[in-house]
Amino acid sequence: MGRSVEYKGLKAQYLFIFAGGLLALFVVFVIMYIAGISQWICIGFGVTAASALVWLTFHLNAKYGEHGLMKLSAVKYHPRYIINRLRLKRLIKGEKK
């Protein structure tokens, strides 16, 4: 109870990245095949892209952990520094406007 989803070592959002990536690769493969591109080029692209996706997903999982990608994306919303334009006297006294 309260544990995150895990499959073959992939946790949380990495499962969604993995599944969504494989689904997107399948759609691209089908579109390429229907467009008339050679069967071997489609298979080569599919195998190469799927291998890269698997490696990247497991690499991100190992590097950032379960909640690491969310923390990494949250950094964008933190201010680099805080500007305080109040006078020092007002800061010390704690007066309000």
C-alpha atoms as a PDB file:
ATOM      1  CA  MET A   1       0.000   0.000   0.000  1.00  0.00           C
ATOM      2  CA  GLY A   2       1.382   3.407  -0.964  1.00  0.00           C
ATOM      3  CA  ARG A   3       4.163   1.924  -3.087  1.00  0.00           C
ATOM      4  CA  SER A   4       4.830   3.159  -6.596  1.00  0.00           C
ATOM      5  CA  VAL A   5       4.368   0.975  -9.642  1.00  0.00           C
ATOM      6  CA  GLU A   6       7.475  -0.909 -10.710  1.00  0.00           C
ATOM      7  CA  TYR A   7       8.173  -3.242 -13.615  1.00  0.00           C
ATOM      8  CA  LYS A   8      11.580  -4.747 -14.384  1.00  0.00           C
ATOM      9  CA  GLY A   9      13.267  -1.981 -12.359  1.00  0.00           C
ATOM     10  CA  LEU A  10      11.473   0.921 -14.056  1.00  0.00           C
ATOM     11  CA  LYS A  11       9.529   3.051 -11.622  1.00  0.00           C
ATOM     12  CA  ALA A  12       6.784   5.651 -11.811  1.00  0.00           C
ATOM     13  CA  GLN A  13       6.959   8.050 -14.760  1.00  0.00           C
ATOM     14  CA  TYR A  14       9.637   6.018 -16.553  1.00  0.00           C
ATOM     15  CA  LEU A  15       7.060   3.303 -17.244  1.00  0.00           C
ATOM     16  CA  PHE A  16       4.865   5.875 -18.983  1.00  0.00           C
ATOM     17  CA  ILE A  17       7.813   7.245 -20.963  1.00  0.00           C
ATOM     18  CA  PHE A  18       8.759   3.713 -21.982  1.00  0.00           C
ATOM     19  CA  ALA A  19       5.244   2.612 -22.968  1.00  0.00           C
ATOM     20  CA  GLY A  20       4.433   5.895 -24.738  1.00  0.00           C
ATOM     21  CA  GLY A  21       7.737   5.818 -26.590  1.00  0.00           C
ATOM     22  CA  LEU A  22       7.204   2.267 -27.803  1.00  0.00           C
ATOM     23  CA  LEU A  23       3.681   3.133 -28.915  1.00  0.00           C
ATOM     24  CA  ALA A  24       4.938   6.200 -30.799  1.00  0.00           C
ATOM     25  CA  LEU A  25       7.694   4.141 -32.440  1.00  0.00           C
ATOM     26  CA  PHE A  26       5.138   1.572 -33.556  1.00  0.00           C
ATOM     27  CA  VAL A  27       2.959   4.285 -35.105  1.00  0.00           C
ATOM     28  CA  VAL A  28       5.966   5.787 -36.922  1.00  0.00           C
ATOM     29  CA  PHE A  29       6.963   2.312 -38.127  1.00  0.00           C
ATOM     30  CA  VAL A  30       3.469   1.673 -39.523  1.00  0.00           C
ATOM     31  CA  ILE A  31       3.353   5.084 -41.221  1.00  0.00           C
ATOM     32  CA  MET A  32       6.763   4.495 -42.806  1.00  0.00           C
ATOM     33  CA  TYR A  33       5.706   1.056 -44.034  1.00  0.00           C
ATOM     34  CA  ILE A  34       2.417   2.321 -45.451  1.00  0.00           C
ATOM     35  CA  ALA A  35       4.255   5.201 -47.148  1.00  0.00           C
ATOM     36  CA  GLY A  36       6.185   2.641 -49.174  1.00  0.00           C
ATOM     37  CA  ILE A  37       9.588   2.805 -47.534  1.00  0.00           C
ATOM     38  CA  SER A  38      11.559  -0.432 -47.821  1.00  0.00           C
ATOM     39  CA  GLN A  39      10.675  -3.089 -45.274  1.00  0.00           C
ATOM     40  CA  TRP A  40      14.295  -3.483 -44.150  1.00  0.00           C
ATOM     41  CA  ILE A  41      14.722   0.245 -43.603  1.00  0.00           C
ATOM     42  CA  CYS A  42      11.559   0.258 -41.474  1.00  0.00           C
ATOM     43  CA  ILE A  43      12.755  -2.730 -39.453  1.00  0.00           C
ATOM     44  CA  GLY A  44      16.223  -1.209 -39.009  1.00  0.00           C
ATOM     45  CA  PHE A  45      14.737   2.085 -37.869  1.00  0.00           C
ATOM     46  CA  GLY A  46      12.355   0.321 -35.493  1.00  0.00           C
ATOM     47  CA  VAL A  47      15.041  -1.839 -33.887  1.00  0.00           C
ATOM     48  CA  THR A  48      17.508   1.047 -33.571  1.00  0.00           C
ATOM     49  CA  ALA A  49      14.967   3.508 -32.167  1.00  0.00           C
ATOM     50  CA  ALA A  50      13.512   0.934 -29.761  1.00  0.00           C
ATOM     51  CA  SER A  51      16.996   0.025 -28.516  1.00  0.00           C
ATOM     52  CA  ALA A  52      17.811   3.693 -27.970  1.00  0.00           C
ATOM     53  CA  LEU A  53      14.507   4.213 -26.147  1.00  0.00           C
ATOM     54  CA  VAL A  54      15.100   1.231 -23.845  1.00  0.00           C
ATOM     55  CA  TRP A  55      18.650   2.358 -23.062  1.00  0.00           C
ATOM     56  CA  LEU A  56      17.632   5.977 -22.464  1.00  0.00           C
ATOM     57  CA  THR A  57      14.714   5.039 -20.226  1.00  0.00           C
ATOM     58  CA  PHE A  58      16.793   2.735 -18.022  1.00  0.00           C
ATOM     59  CA  HIS A  59      19.623   5.298 -17.960  1.00  0.00           C
ATOM     60  CA  LEU A  60      17.273   8.068 -16.770  1.00  0.00           C
ATOM     61  CA  ASN A  61      15.753   5.705 -14.195  1.00  0.00           C
ATOM     62  CA  ALA A  62      19.194   4.874 -12.804  1.00  0.00           C
ATOM     63  CA  LYS A  63      20.446   8.470 -12.887  1.00  0.00           C
ATOM     64  CA  TYR A  64      17.482  10.404 -11.480  1.00  0.00           C
ATOM     65  CA  GLY A  65      15.499   7.822  -9.528  1.00  0.00           C
ATOM     66  CA  GLU A  66      11.792   7.611  -8.925  1.00  0.00           C
ATOM     67  CA  HIS A  67      10.964  11.314  -8.555  1.00  0.00           C
ATOM     68  CA  GLY A  68      14.082  12.802 -10.144  1.00  0.00           C
ATOM     69  CA  LEU A  69      12.576  13.932 -13.435  1.00  0.00           C
ATOM     70  CA  MET A  70       9.794  15.783 -11.632  1.00  0.00           C
ATOM     71  CA  LYS A  71      12.356  17.504  -9.410  1.00  0.00           C
ATOM     72  CA  LEU A  72      14.484  18.326 -12.431  1.00  0.00           C
ATOM     73  CA  SER A  73      11.545  19.903 -14.257  1.00  0.00           C
ATOM     74  CA  ALA A  74      10.461  21.776 -11.107  1.00  0.00           C
ATOM     75  CA  VAL A  75      13.796  23.600 -10.960  1.00  0.00           C
ATOM     76  CA  LYS A  76      12.669  25.736 -13.919  1.00  0.00           C
ATOM     77  CA  TYR A  77       9.929  27.279 -11.800  1.00  0.00           C
ATOM     78  CA  HIS A  78      12.164  28.286  -8.888  1.00  0.00           C
ATOM     79  CA  PRO A  79      13.523  31.825  -9.003  1.00  0.00           C
ATOM     80  CA  ARG A  80      17.288  32.113  -9.334  1.00  0.00           C
ATOM     81  CA  TYR A  81      17.353  34.876  -6.747  1.00  0.00           C
ATOM     82  CA  ILE A  82      14.873  36.955  -4.777  1.00  0.00           C
ATOM     83  CA  ILE A  83      14.874  40.722  -5.087  1.00  0.00           C
ATOM     84  CA  ASN A  84      13.744  42.624  -2.039  1.00  0.00           C
ATOM     85  CA  ARG A  85      13.193  46.311  -2.734  1.00  0.00           C
ATOM     86  CA  LEU A  86      12.118  47.304   0.768  1.00  0.00           C
ATOM     87  CA  ARG A  87      14.270  49.617   2.832  1.00  0.00           C
ATOM     88  CA  LEU A  88      16.436  48.003   5.466  1.00  0.00           C
ATOM     89  CA  LYS A  89      14.695  49.991   8.217  1.00  0.00           C
ATOM     90  CA  ARG A  90      11.296  48.665   7.129  1.00  0.00           C
ATOM     91  CA  LEU A  91      12.647  45.111   7.055  1.00  0.00           C
ATOM     92  CA  ILE A  92      13.953  45.368  10.595  1.00  0.00           C
ATOM     93  CA  LYS A  93      10.826  47.002  12.034  1.00  0.00           C
ATOM     94  CA  GLY A  94       8.502  44.737  10.082  1.00  0.00           C
ATOM     95  CA  GLU A  95       6.118  47.549   9.105  1.00  0.00           C
ATOM     96  CA  LYS A  96       3.399  46.796   6.624  1.00  0.00           C
ATOM     97  CA  LYS A  97       2.191  49.060   3.843  1.00  0.00           C
END
